[in-house]
Amino acid sequence: MYKRKIGWYKLMILHRLFELLVYNIDSSADNSRIKKTIRYIADHYPEKITVKAMASMTGLQTNYFNAIFKQKTGLSI
């Protein structure tokens, strides 16, 4: 039962991320980094993904990445 809830939660998150990717994010530099992150999450969600790795992938400091991701998506990571 627990694994089923986790699976459902992951699908809900992926759905929200794809909505953001397709509809809500414009083309600024920060937004392109967020789009890259969303694509990465979608492709690697079964794996362990760290905030530090996502920040590094986008070339941002972890704290700034957290702030930008929250600002652009409305989601905390």
C-alpha atoms as a PDB file:
ATOM      1  CA  MET A   1       0.000   0.000   0.000  1.00  0.00           C
ATOM      2  CA  TYR A   2       2.799   2.409   0.920  1.00  0.00           C
ATOM      3  CA  LYS A   3       4.620   1.840  -2.399  1.00  0.00           C
ATOM      4  CA  ARG A   4       1.380   2.459  -4.278  1.00  0.00           C
ATOM      5  CA  LYS A   5       0.971   5.823  -2.525  1.00  0.00           C
ATOM      6  CA  ILE A   6       4.564   6.770  -3.346  1.00  0.00           C
ATOM      7  CA  GLY A   7       4.014   5.792  -6.992  1.00  0.00           C
ATOM      8  CA  TRP A   8       0.866   7.912  -7.195  1.00  0.00           C
ATOM      9  CA  TYR A   9       2.665  10.850  -5.583  1.00  0.00           C
ATOM     10  CA  LYS A  10       5.494  10.607  -8.132  1.00  0.00           C
ATOM     11  CA  LEU A  11       3.003  10.584 -10.999  1.00  0.00           C
ATOM     12  CA  MET A  12       1.263  13.670  -9.624  1.00  0.00           C
ATOM     13  CA  ILE A  13       4.589  15.490  -9.359  1.00  0.00           C
ATOM     14  CA  LEU A  14       5.583  14.497 -12.893  1.00  0.00           C
ATOM     15  CA  HIS A  15       2.233  15.668 -14.196  1.00  0.00           C
ATOM     16  CA  ARG A  16       2.670  19.058 -12.520  1.00  0.00           C
ATOM     17  CA  LEU A  17       6.237  19.390 -13.805  1.00  0.00           C
ATOM     18  CA  PHE A  18       5.156  18.668 -17.375  1.00  0.00           C
ATOM     19  CA  GLU A  19       2.369  21.232 -17.089  1.00  0.00           C
ATOM     20  CA  LEU A  20       4.941  23.789 -16.036  1.00  0.00           C
ATOM     21  CA  LEU A  21       7.307  22.756 -18.781  1.00  0.00           C
ATOM     22  CA  VAL A  22       4.724  23.048 -21.527  1.00  0.00           C
ATOM     23  CA  TYR A  23       2.503  25.922 -20.420  1.00  0.00           C
ATOM     24  CA  ASN A  24       3.935  28.166 -17.749  1.00  0.00           C
ATOM     25  CA  ILE A  25       7.626  28.805 -18.257  1.00  0.00           C
ATOM     26  CA  ASP A  26       8.886  31.453 -20.664  1.00  0.00           C
ATOM     27  CA  SER A  27      12.328  31.542 -22.298  1.00  0.00           C
ATOM     28  CA  SER A  28      14.571  33.490 -19.885  1.00  0.00           C
ATOM     29  CA  ALA A  29      17.943  32.015 -18.846  1.00  0.00           C
ATOM     30  CA  ASP A  30      16.649  30.907 -15.435  1.00  0.00           C
ATOM     31  CA  ASN A  31      13.608  29.364 -17.066  1.00  0.00           C
ATOM     32  CA  SER A  32      15.703  27.360 -19.517  1.00  0.00           C
ATOM     33  CA  ARG A  33      17.613  25.981 -16.531  1.00  0.00           C
ATOM     34  CA  ILE A  34      14.351  25.036 -14.844  1.00  0.00           C
ATOM     35  CA  LYS A  35      13.114  23.367 -18.037  1.00  0.00           C
ATOM     36  CA  LYS A  36      16.359  21.394 -18.207  1.00  0.00           C
ATOM     37  CA  THR A  37      15.846  20.347 -14.579  1.00  0.00           C
ATOM     38  CA  ILE A  38      12.237  19.299 -15.187  1.00  0.00           C
ATOM     39  CA  ARG A  39      13.285  17.191 -18.164  1.00  0.00           C
ATOM     40  CA  TYR A  40      16.014  15.601 -16.066  1.00  0.00           C
ATOM     41  CA  ILE A  41      13.565  14.795 -13.249  1.00  0.00           C
ATOM     42  CA  ALA A  42      11.113  13.291 -15.729  1.00  0.00           C
ATOM     43  CA  ASP A  43      13.793  11.118 -17.297  1.00  0.00           C
ATOM     44  CA  HIS A  44      15.384  10.014 -14.007  1.00  0.00           C
ATOM     45  CA  TYR A  45      12.569  10.055 -11.440  1.00  0.00           C
ATOM     46  CA  PRO A  46      13.042   6.387 -10.406  1.00  0.00           C
ATOM     47  CA  GLU A  47      16.630   7.221  -9.435  1.00  0.00           C
ATOM     48  CA  LYS A  48      17.848   9.151  -6.426  1.00  0.00           C
ATOM     49  CA  ILE A  49      18.088  12.784  -7.531  1.00  0.00           C
ATOM     50  CA  THR A  50      19.687  15.349  -5.245  1.00  0.00           C
ATOM     51  CA  VAL A  51      19.176  19.090  -5.196  1.00  0.00           C
ATOM     52  CA  LYS A  52      22.942  19.521  -5.249  1.00  0.00           C
ATOM     53  CA  ALA A  53      23.179  17.481  -8.465  1.00  0.00           C
ATOM     54  CA  MET A  54      20.373  19.455 -10.122  1.00  0.00           C
ATOM     55  CA  ALA A  55      21.942  22.756  -9.101  1.00  0.00           C
ATOM     56  CA  SER A  56      25.322  21.626 -10.407  1.00  0.00           C
ATOM     57  CA  MET A  57      23.754  20.475 -13.678  1.00  0.00           C
ATOM     58  CA  THR A  58      22.327  23.964 -14.196  1.00  0.00           C
ATOM     59  CA  GLY A  59      25.477  25.793 -13.091  1.00  0.00           C
ATOM     60  CA  LEU A  60      23.784  27.426 -10.106  1.00  0.00           C
ATOM     61  CA  GLN A  61      24.554  27.505  -6.394  1.00  0.00           C
ATOM     62  CA  THR A  62      22.243  25.187  -4.442  1.00  0.00           C
ATOM     63  CA  ASN A  63      20.507  27.970  -2.500  1.00  0.00           C
ATOM     64  CA  TYR A  64      19.909  30.063  -5.611  1.00  0.00           C
ATOM     65  CA  PHE A  65      18.686  27.010  -7.514  1.00  0.00           C
ATOM     66  CA  ASN A  66      16.200  26.241  -4.711  1.00  0.00           C
ATOM     67  CA  ALA A  67      14.894  29.803  -4.773  1.00  0.00           C
ATOM     68  CA  ILE A  68      14.565  29.950  -8.569  1.00  0.00           C
ATOM     69  CA  PHE A  69      12.906  26.543  -8.780  1.00  0.00           C
ATOM     70  CA  LYS A  70      10.360  27.543  -6.124  1.00  0.00           C
ATOM     71  CA  GLN A  71       9.733  30.929  -7.787  1.00  0.00           C
ATOM     72  CA  LYS A  72       9.249  29.479 -11.269  1.00  0.00           C
ATOM     73  CA  THR A  73       7.340  26.296 -10.436  1.00  0.00           C
ATOM     74  CA  GLY A  74       5.680  26.961  -7.095  1.00  0.00           C
ATOM     75  CA  LEU A  75       7.183  23.691  -5.861  1.00  0.00           C
ATOM     76  CA  SER A  76       9.788  23.221  -3.157  1.00  0.00           C
ATOM     77  CA  ILE A  77      12.527  20.668  -3.623  1.00  0.00           C
END
